[in-house]
């Protein structure tokens, strides 16, 4: 259960970054990645508050989110530790974030990479390889601040 919560939160954060652009040029830099998350049906709490900038290729769905530094966050509701790299990348399409790189969650004394996030009704489904974990979207209504800097991601 703890592993699933960590995975879910990390994926949710990544999805928020990837949804940063919804119109305009194929590659877009938006002022609010969190606003773009909402536009795509995701809660803003998938991303930390310290997003510096992001890009999104609207044609391919490829995205990149720049946090400026490593970031650690405690994820609700099970208080799992999530680690974000300086740069998070992936591919976003309607209701799904795939090929995520840069978000990990600590569960069962090990770090697990979140590889995808899906929106499923009132829930978010986090993917860690072949394993999935489902959490209520409402657990991610608020964007968390980074708790400190990490020397590794």
N, C-alpha and C. Protein backbone atom coordinates (compact mmCIF):
# COMPACT_ATOMS: atom_id res chain seq x y z
N UNK A 1 0.82 -1.19 0.00
CA UNK A 1 0.00 0.00 0.00
C UNK A 1 0.86 1.25 0.00
N UNK A 2 1.93 1.25 0.78
CA UNK A 2 2.82 2.41 0.86
C UNK A 2 3.51 2.63 -0.47
N UNK A 3 3.94 1.56 -1.11
CA UNK A 3 4.62 1.67 -2.39
C UNK A 3 3.69 2.28 -3.42
N UNK A 4 2.45 1.89 -3.41
CA UNK A 4 1.48 2.39 -4.36
C UNK A 4 1.24 3.88 -4.15
N UNK A 5 1.18 4.32 -2.91
CA UNK A 5 0.96 5.74 -2.61
C UNK A 5 2.11 6.58 -3.12
N UNK A 6 3.31 6.12 -2.93
CA UNK A 6 4.49 6.86 -3.37
C UNK A 6 4.51 6.95 -4.89
N UNK A 7 4.22 5.88 -5.51
CA UNK A 7 4.21 5.84 -6.97
C UNK A 7 3.15 6.79 -7.49
N UNK A 8 1.98 6.76 -6.89
CA UNK A 8 0.88 7.60 -7.33
C UNK A 8 1.24 9.07 -7.24
N UNK A 9 1.79 9.47 -6.13
CA UNK A 9 2.14 10.88 -5.94
C UNK A 9 3.20 11.32 -6.93
N UNK A 10 4.20 10.52 -7.12
CA UNK A 10 5.27 10.89 -8.04
C UNK A 10 4.74 11.03 -9.45
N UNK A 11 3.93 10.11 -9.86
CA UNK A 11 3.36 10.17 -11.19
C UNK A 11 2.47 11.38 -11.34
N UNK A 12 1.72 11.68 -10.31
CA UNK A 12 0.84 12.83 -10.35
C UNK A 12 1.65 14.10 -10.53
N UNK A 13 2.74 14.22 -9.82
CA UNK A 13 3.59 15.40 -9.95
C UNK A 13 4.13 15.51 -11.37
N UNK A 14 4.53 14.41 -11.91
CA UNK A 14 5.05 14.44 -13.27
C UNK A 14 3.97 14.85 -14.24
N UNK A 15 2.79 14.36 -14.09
CA UNK A 15 1.72 14.67 -15.00
C UNK A 15 1.43 16.16 -14.98
N UNK A 16 1.46 16.77 -13.84
CA UNK A 16 1.22 18.20 -13.74
C UNK A 16 2.21 18.96 -14.58
N UNK A 17 3.46 18.56 -14.54
CA UNK A 17 4.48 19.24 -15.33
C UNK A 17 4.22 19.02 -16.81
N UNK A 18 3.79 17.84 -17.18
CA UNK A 18 3.66 17.51 -18.59
C UNK A 18 2.46 18.16 -19.22
N UNK A 19 1.50 18.59 -18.45
CA UNK A 19 0.29 19.18 -18.99
C UNK A 19 0.41 20.68 -19.15
N UNK A 20 1.60 21.18 -19.10
CA UNK A 20 1.83 22.62 -19.06
C UNK A 20 1.32 23.40 -20.25
N UNK A 21 1.10 22.79 -21.37
CA UNK A 21 0.70 23.56 -22.53
C UNK A 21 -0.50 22.94 -23.20
N UNK A 22 -1.45 23.78 -23.60
CA UNK A 22 -2.64 23.23 -24.23
C UNK A 22 -2.99 23.88 -25.54
N UNK A 23 -2.34 24.99 -25.90
CA UNK A 23 -2.65 25.63 -27.16
C UNK A 23 -1.46 26.43 -27.64
N UNK A 24 -1.51 26.86 -28.90
CA UNK A 24 -0.45 27.69 -29.41
C UNK A 24 0.52 26.91 -30.27
N UNK A 25 1.77 27.30 -30.23
CA UNK A 25 2.82 26.66 -31.01
C UNK A 25 3.01 25.21 -30.57
N UNK A 26 3.56 24.35 -31.46
CA UNK A 26 3.82 22.97 -31.06
C UNK A 26 4.69 22.89 -29.81
N UNK A 27 5.68 23.75 -29.69
CA UNK A 27 6.49 23.77 -28.47
C UNK A 27 6.18 25.07 -27.76
N UNK A 28 5.71 24.94 -26.53
CA UNK A 28 5.20 26.08 -25.79
C UNK A 28 5.83 26.19 -24.42
N UNK A 29 6.09 27.39 -23.99
CA UNK A 29 6.53 27.65 -22.63
C UNK A 29 5.40 28.41 -21.98
N UNK A 30 4.85 27.86 -20.93
CA UNK A 30 3.71 28.48 -20.27
C UNK A 30 4.11 29.06 -18.93
N UNK A 31 3.35 30.03 -18.46
CA UNK A 31 3.66 30.65 -17.18
C UNK A 31 3.17 29.80 -16.02
N UNK A 32 2.25 28.86 -16.25
CA UNK A 32 1.72 28.08 -15.14
C UNK A 32 1.49 26.61 -15.51
N UNK A 33 2.45 25.79 -15.15
CA UNK A 33 2.32 24.34 -15.38
C UNK A 33 1.16 23.80 -14.56
N UNK A 34 0.94 24.38 -13.37
CA UNK A 34 -0.14 23.93 -12.51
C UNK A 34 -1.51 24.19 -13.15
N UNK A 35 -1.67 25.33 -13.79
CA UNK A 35 -2.92 25.66 -14.48
C UNK A 35 -3.16 24.68 -15.61
N UNK A 36 -2.10 24.32 -16.31
CA UNK A 36 -2.23 23.35 -17.41
C UNK A 36 -2.64 21.98 -16.89
N UNK A 37 -2.18 21.62 -15.71
CA UNK A 37 -2.60 20.35 -15.11
C UNK A 37 -4.11 20.34 -14.95
N UNK A 38 -4.65 21.41 -14.40
CA UNK A 38 -6.11 21.51 -14.22
C UNK A 38 -6.84 21.39 -15.54
N UNK A 39 -6.31 22.07 -16.55
CA UNK A 39 -6.95 22.04 -17.88
C UNK A 39 -7.02 20.63 -18.43
N UNK A 40 -6.09 19.78 -18.02
CA UNK A 40 -6.03 18.41 -18.51
C UNK A 40 -6.66 17.40 -17.55
N UNK A 41 -7.37 17.90 -16.54
CA UNK A 41 -8.10 17.02 -15.64
C UNK A 41 -7.29 16.45 -14.50
N UNK A 42 -6.16 17.06 -14.19
CA UNK A 42 -5.31 16.58 -13.09
C UNK A 42 -5.23 17.62 -11.98
N UNK A 43 -5.04 17.17 -10.74
CA UNK A 43 -4.88 18.12 -9.63
C UNK A 43 -3.49 18.76 -9.66
N UNK A 44 -3.39 19.98 -9.17
CA UNK A 44 -2.12 20.72 -9.19
C UNK A 44 -1.06 20.12 -8.28
N UNK A 45 -1.47 19.34 -7.30
CA UNK A 45 -0.54 18.77 -6.34
C UNK A 45 0.37 17.68 -6.88
N UNK A 46 0.26 17.38 -8.16
CA UNK A 46 1.18 16.42 -8.76
C UNK A 46 2.56 17.03 -8.94
N UNK A 47 2.60 18.34 -8.93
CA UNK A 47 3.87 19.05 -9.09
C UNK A 47 4.14 19.89 -7.85
N UNK A 48 5.42 20.02 -7.49
CA UNK A 48 5.75 20.90 -6.37
C UNK A 48 5.55 22.37 -6.77
N UNK A 49 5.62 23.25 -5.81
CA UNK A 49 5.39 24.68 -6.06
C UNK A 49 6.54 25.33 -6.83
N UNK A 50 7.72 24.73 -6.85
CA UNK A 50 8.91 25.39 -7.40
C UNK A 50 9.18 25.16 -8.88
N UNK A 51 8.17 24.99 -9.71
CA UNK A 51 8.38 24.81 -11.15
C UNK A 51 8.92 26.12 -11.73
N UNK A 52 10.09 26.07 -12.35
CA UNK A 52 10.67 27.27 -12.96
C UNK A 52 10.10 27.51 -14.35
N UNK A 53 10.06 26.45 -15.15
CA UNK A 53 9.49 26.53 -16.49
C UNK A 53 9.26 25.13 -17.03
N UNK A 54 8.62 25.06 -18.18
CA UNK A 54 8.36 23.77 -18.80
C UNK A 54 8.13 23.98 -20.28
N UNK A 55 8.28 22.89 -21.04
CA UNK A 55 7.96 22.92 -22.46
C UNK A 55 7.07 21.73 -22.76
N UNK A 56 6.25 21.89 -23.78
CA UNK A 56 5.36 20.83 -24.22
C UNK A 56 5.25 20.89 -25.73
N UNK A 57 5.51 19.78 -26.38
CA UNK A 57 5.28 19.68 -27.81
C UNK A 57 3.87 19.15 -27.98
N UNK A 58 2.97 20.02 -28.40
CA UNK A 58 1.56 19.65 -28.49
C UNK A 58 1.30 18.59 -29.56
N UNK A 59 2.18 18.47 -30.51
CA UNK A 59 2.00 17.47 -31.57
C UNK A 59 2.35 16.07 -31.06
N UNK A 60 3.50 15.93 -30.44
CA UNK A 60 3.97 14.62 -29.98
C UNK A 60 3.56 14.30 -28.54
N UNK A 61 3.29 15.35 -27.73
CA UNK A 61 2.98 15.16 -26.32
C UNK A 61 4.22 15.13 -25.44
N UNK A 62 5.41 15.23 -26.03
CA UNK A 62 6.65 15.23 -25.25
C UNK A 62 6.73 16.49 -24.40
N UNK A 63 7.15 16.34 -23.13
CA UNK A 63 7.27 17.48 -22.25
C UNK A 63 8.54 17.42 -21.42
N UNK A 64 8.90 18.56 -20.89
CA UNK A 64 10.05 18.69 -20.00
C UNK A 64 9.69 19.74 -18.96
N UNK A 65 9.93 19.44 -17.68
CA UNK A 65 9.66 20.37 -16.59
C UNK A 65 10.98 20.66 -15.88
N UNK A 66 11.26 21.93 -15.67
CA UNK A 66 12.49 22.36 -15.02
C UNK A 66 12.18 22.83 -13.60
N UNK A 67 12.74 22.13 -12.61
CA UNK A 67 12.57 22.52 -11.21
C UNK A 67 13.75 23.34 -10.70
N UNK A 68 14.84 23.36 -11.44
CA UNK A 68 16.01 24.12 -11.03
C UNK A 68 16.94 23.39 -10.09
N UNK A 69 16.40 22.49 -9.29
CA UNK A 69 17.20 21.72 -8.34
C UNK A 69 16.43 20.46 -7.97
N UNK A 70 17.11 19.52 -7.32
CA UNK A 70 16.44 18.32 -6.83
C UNK A 70 15.43 18.74 -5.77
N UNK A 71 14.38 17.95 -5.62
CA UNK A 71 13.30 18.30 -4.70
C UNK A 71 12.77 17.04 -4.03
N UNK A 72 12.56 17.13 -2.73
CA UNK A 72 11.93 16.03 -2.00
C UNK A 72 10.62 16.54 -1.41
N UNK A 73 9.61 15.68 -1.46
CA UNK A 73 8.28 16.01 -0.97
C UNK A 73 7.70 14.80 -0.25
N UNK A 74 6.95 15.03 0.81
CA UNK A 74 6.23 13.97 1.48
C UNK A 74 4.83 13.93 0.88
N UNK A 75 4.46 12.78 0.33
CA UNK A 75 3.20 12.63 -0.39
C UNK A 75 2.06 12.15 0.49
N UNK A 76 0.87 12.71 0.27
CA UNK A 76 -0.31 12.25 0.99
C UNK A 76 -0.87 10.99 0.33
N UNK A 77 -1.67 10.20 0.92
CA UNK A 77 -2.07 10.28 2.31
C UNK A 77 -1.17 9.47 3.23
N UNK A 78 -0.25 8.68 2.64
CA UNK A 78 0.54 7.74 3.43
C UNK A 78 1.93 8.23 3.81
N UNK A 79 2.22 9.51 3.55
CA UNK A 79 3.49 10.14 3.92
C UNK A 79 4.72 9.45 3.33
N UNK A 80 4.66 9.11 2.06
CA UNK A 80 5.80 8.55 1.34
C UNK A 80 6.71 9.69 0.89
N UNK A 81 7.99 9.42 0.85
CA UNK A 81 8.94 10.41 0.38
C UNK A 81 9.09 10.27 -1.13
N UNK A 82 8.92 11.39 -1.84
CA UNK A 82 9.10 11.42 -3.29
C UNK A 82 10.29 12.30 -3.60
N UNK A 83 11.05 11.92 -4.61
CA UNK A 83 12.22 12.67 -5.03
C UNK A 83 12.04 13.06 -6.49
N UNK A 84 12.23 14.36 -6.77
CA UNK A 84 12.12 14.89 -8.12
C UNK A 84 13.50 15.34 -8.59
N UNK A 85 13.84 14.96 -9.81
CA UNK A 85 15.08 15.42 -10.42
C UNK A 85 14.93 16.89 -10.81
N UNK A 86 16.05 17.52 -11.16
CA UNK A 86 16.02 18.90 -11.62
C UNK A 86 15.14 19.03 -12.86
N UNK A 87 15.15 17.99 -13.69
CA UNK A 87 14.40 17.99 -14.94
C UNK A 87 13.55 16.73 -15.00
N UNK A 88 12.28 16.89 -15.30
CA UNK A 88 11.35 15.77 -15.42
C UNK A 88 10.86 15.75 -16.86
N UNK A 89 10.88 14.58 -17.46
CA UNK A 89 10.44 14.45 -18.85
C UNK A 89 9.42 13.33 -18.98
N UNK A 90 8.70 13.33 -20.09
CA UNK A 90 7.73 12.29 -20.37
C UNK A 90 6.91 12.64 -21.58
N UNK A 91 5.80 11.93 -21.72
CA UNK A 91 4.90 12.12 -22.85
C UNK A 91 3.48 12.15 -22.30
N UNK A 92 2.72 13.18 -22.68
CA UNK A 92 1.37 13.30 -22.18
C UNK A 92 0.35 13.30 -23.31
N UNK A 93 -0.70 12.54 -23.10
CA UNK A 93 -1.86 12.53 -23.98
C UNK A 93 -3.07 12.63 -23.08
N UNK A 94 -4.23 12.81 -23.62
CA UNK A 94 -5.44 12.97 -22.81
C UNK A 94 -5.59 11.87 -21.76
N UNK A 95 -5.58 12.26 -20.47
CA UNK A 95 -5.80 11.33 -19.37
C UNK A 95 -4.64 10.41 -19.03
N UNK A 96 -3.48 10.63 -19.63
CA UNK A 96 -2.35 9.73 -19.37
C UNK A 96 -1.02 10.45 -19.53
N UNK A 97 -0.12 10.12 -18.63
CA UNK A 97 1.26 10.58 -18.72
C UNK A 97 2.12 9.31 -18.79
N UNK A 98 2.97 9.23 -19.78
CA UNK A 98 3.78 8.03 -20.00
C UNK A 98 5.26 8.39 -20.12
N UNK A 99 6.09 7.36 -20.11
CA UNK A 99 7.53 7.51 -20.31
C UNK A 99 8.13 8.55 -19.36
N UNK A 100 7.63 8.59 -18.14
CA UNK A 100 8.09 9.55 -17.15
C UNK A 100 9.52 9.23 -16.70
N UNK A 101 10.33 10.26 -16.64
CA UNK A 101 11.69 10.12 -16.14
C UNK A 101 11.95 11.29 -15.20
N UNK A 102 12.37 10.99 -13.96
CA UNK A 102 12.73 12.05 -13.04
C UNK A 102 11.91 12.10 -11.76
N UNK A 103 11.02 11.14 -11.55
CA UNK A 103 10.24 11.10 -10.30
C UNK A 103 10.39 9.71 -9.69
N UNK A 104 10.78 9.70 -8.42
CA UNK A 104 10.92 8.43 -7.69
C UNK A 104 10.22 8.55 -6.35
N UNK A 105 9.81 7.39 -5.83
CA UNK A 105 9.15 7.35 -4.54
C UNK A 105 9.82 6.27 -3.69
N UNK A 106 9.90 6.54 -2.39
CA UNK A 106 10.55 5.59 -1.48
C UNK A 106 9.49 4.74 -0.79
N UNK A 107 9.59 3.42 -0.99
CA UNK A 107 8.66 2.47 -0.36
C UNK A 107 9.39 1.16 -0.12
N UNK A 108 9.11 0.55 0.99
CA UNK A 108 9.71 -0.74 1.33
C UNK A 108 11.24 -0.68 1.26
N UNK A 109 11.80 0.40 1.79
CA UNK A 109 13.25 0.59 1.89
C UNK A 109 13.96 0.66 0.55
N UNK A 110 13.23 1.05 -0.49
CA UNK A 110 13.81 1.12 -1.83
C UNK A 110 13.20 2.29 -2.60
N UNK A 111 13.98 2.87 -3.53
CA UNK A 111 13.47 3.92 -4.41
C UNK A 111 12.89 3.28 -5.66
N UNK A 112 11.68 3.71 -6.06
CA UNK A 112 10.98 3.18 -7.22
C UNK A 112 10.70 4.34 -8.18
N UNK A 113 10.97 4.13 -9.47
CA UNK A 113 10.70 5.15 -10.48
C UNK A 113 9.25 5.07 -10.92
N UNK A 114 8.60 6.20 -10.94
CA UNK A 114 7.23 6.27 -11.46
C UNK A 114 7.34 6.40 -12.97
N UNK A 115 6.70 5.49 -13.69
CA UNK A 115 6.82 5.47 -15.14
C UNK A 115 5.60 6.01 -15.86
N UNK A 116 4.47 6.11 -15.17
CA UNK A 116 3.26 6.62 -15.81
C UNK A 116 2.20 6.99 -14.79
N UNK A 117 1.23 7.80 -15.23
CA UNK A 117 0.08 8.19 -14.40
C UNK A 117 -1.14 8.25 -15.31
N UNK A 118 -2.24 7.67 -14.84
CA UNK A 118 -3.49 7.71 -15.59
C UNK A 118 -4.58 8.32 -14.73
N UNK A 119 -5.47 9.05 -15.37
CA UNK A 119 -6.64 9.59 -14.70
C UNK A 119 -7.77 8.59 -14.91
N UNK A 120 -8.39 8.16 -13.81
CA UNK A 120 -9.46 7.17 -13.88
C UNK A 120 -10.60 7.62 -12.99
N UNK A 121 -11.55 8.37 -13.53
CA UNK A 121 -12.66 8.89 -12.72
C UNK A 121 -12.15 9.84 -11.67
N UNK A 122 -12.47 9.57 -10.42
CA UNK A 122 -12.04 10.41 -9.29
C UNK A 122 -10.68 9.97 -8.73
N UNK A 123 -10.02 9.07 -9.43
CA UNK A 123 -8.76 8.51 -8.96
C UNK A 123 -7.62 8.75 -9.94
N UNK A 124 -6.42 8.65 -9.41
CA UNK A 124 -5.21 8.64 -10.22
C UNK A 124 -4.57 7.27 -10.06
N UNK A 125 -4.11 6.71 -11.16
CA UNK A 125 -3.45 5.41 -11.13
C UNK A 125 -1.98 5.63 -11.47
N UNK A 126 -1.12 5.31 -10.52
CA UNK A 126 0.33 5.47 -10.71
C UNK A 126 0.92 4.14 -11.15
N UNK A 127 1.84 4.23 -12.08
CA UNK A 127 2.49 3.04 -12.62
C UNK A 127 3.97 3.04 -12.28
N UNK A 128 4.43 1.89 -11.77
CA UNK A 128 5.85 1.66 -11.51
C UNK A 128 6.15 0.35 -12.20
N UNK A 129 6.60 0.46 -13.44
CA UNK A 129 6.77 -0.76 -14.22
C UNK A 129 5.42 -1.42 -14.43
N UNK A 130 5.30 -2.67 -14.01
CA UNK A 130 4.05 -3.42 -14.17
C UNK A 130 3.12 -3.26 -12.96
N UNK A 131 3.59 -2.62 -11.92
CA UNK A 131 2.80 -2.45 -10.70
C UNK A 131 2.05 -1.13 -10.75
N UNK A 132 0.78 -1.13 -10.27
CA UNK A 132 0.00 0.10 -10.23
C UNK A 132 -0.55 0.33 -8.82
N UNK A 133 -0.84 1.60 -8.53
CA UNK A 133 -1.46 1.98 -7.27
C UNK A 133 -2.45 3.09 -7.54
N UNK A 134 -3.64 2.98 -6.94
CA UNK A 134 -4.70 3.95 -7.18
C UNK A 134 -4.93 4.78 -5.93
N UNK A 135 -5.05 6.12 -6.13
CA UNK A 135 -5.31 7.05 -5.02
C UNK A 135 -6.35 8.08 -5.45
N UNK A 136 -7.13 8.57 -4.50
CA UNK A 136 -8.11 9.61 -4.83
C UNK A 136 -7.40 10.88 -5.30
N UNK A 137 -7.88 11.46 -6.38
CA UNK A 137 -7.31 12.70 -6.92
C UNK A 137 -7.32 13.82 -5.89
N UNK A 138 -8.34 13.84 -5.03
CA UNK A 138 -8.48 14.92 -4.05
C UNK A 138 -7.29 14.99 -3.08
N UNK A 139 -6.52 13.90 -2.95
CA UNK A 139 -5.33 13.91 -2.10
C UNK A 139 -4.25 14.83 -2.64
N UNK A 140 -4.41 15.29 -3.88
CA UNK A 140 -3.40 16.10 -4.54
C UNK A 140 -3.93 17.47 -4.96
N UNK A 141 -4.89 17.97 -4.21
CA UNK A 141 -5.50 19.26 -4.53
C UNK A 141 -4.57 20.45 -4.31
N UNK A 142 -3.56 20.31 -3.46
CA UNK A 142 -2.64 21.41 -3.17
C UNK A 142 -1.22 21.05 -3.60
N UNK A 143 -0.55 22.00 -4.22
CA UNK A 143 0.82 21.81 -4.66
C UNK A 143 1.77 21.95 -3.47
N UNK A 144 2.56 20.91 -3.20
CA UNK A 144 3.46 20.95 -2.03
C UNK A 144 4.77 21.69 -2.31
N UNK A 145 5.33 22.33 -1.28
CA UNK A 145 6.66 22.94 -1.43
C UNK A 145 7.73 21.85 -1.27
N UNK A 146 8.91 22.09 -1.84
CA UNK A 146 10.03 21.16 -1.65
C UNK A 146 10.46 21.23 -0.19
N UNK A 147 10.85 20.07 0.34
CA UNK A 147 11.27 20.00 1.74
C UNK A 147 12.75 20.24 1.92
N UNK A 148 13.47 20.25 0.83
CA UNK A 148 14.91 20.46 0.92
C UNK A 148 15.57 19.96 -0.33
N UNK A 149 16.86 20.09 -0.38
CA UNK A 149 17.60 19.67 -1.56
C UNK A 149 18.23 18.32 -1.31
N UNK A 150 18.33 17.55 -2.35
CA UNK A 150 18.92 16.22 -2.28
C UNK A 150 20.21 16.19 -3.08
N UNK A 151 21.15 15.45 -2.62
CA UNK A 151 22.41 15.34 -3.36
C UNK A 151 22.32 14.30 -4.46
N UNK A 152 21.24 13.51 -4.44
CA UNK A 152 21.02 12.54 -5.52
C UNK A 152 19.54 12.44 -5.80
N UNK A 153 19.23 12.00 -6.98
CA UNK A 153 17.83 11.88 -7.38
C UNK A 153 17.50 10.48 -7.78
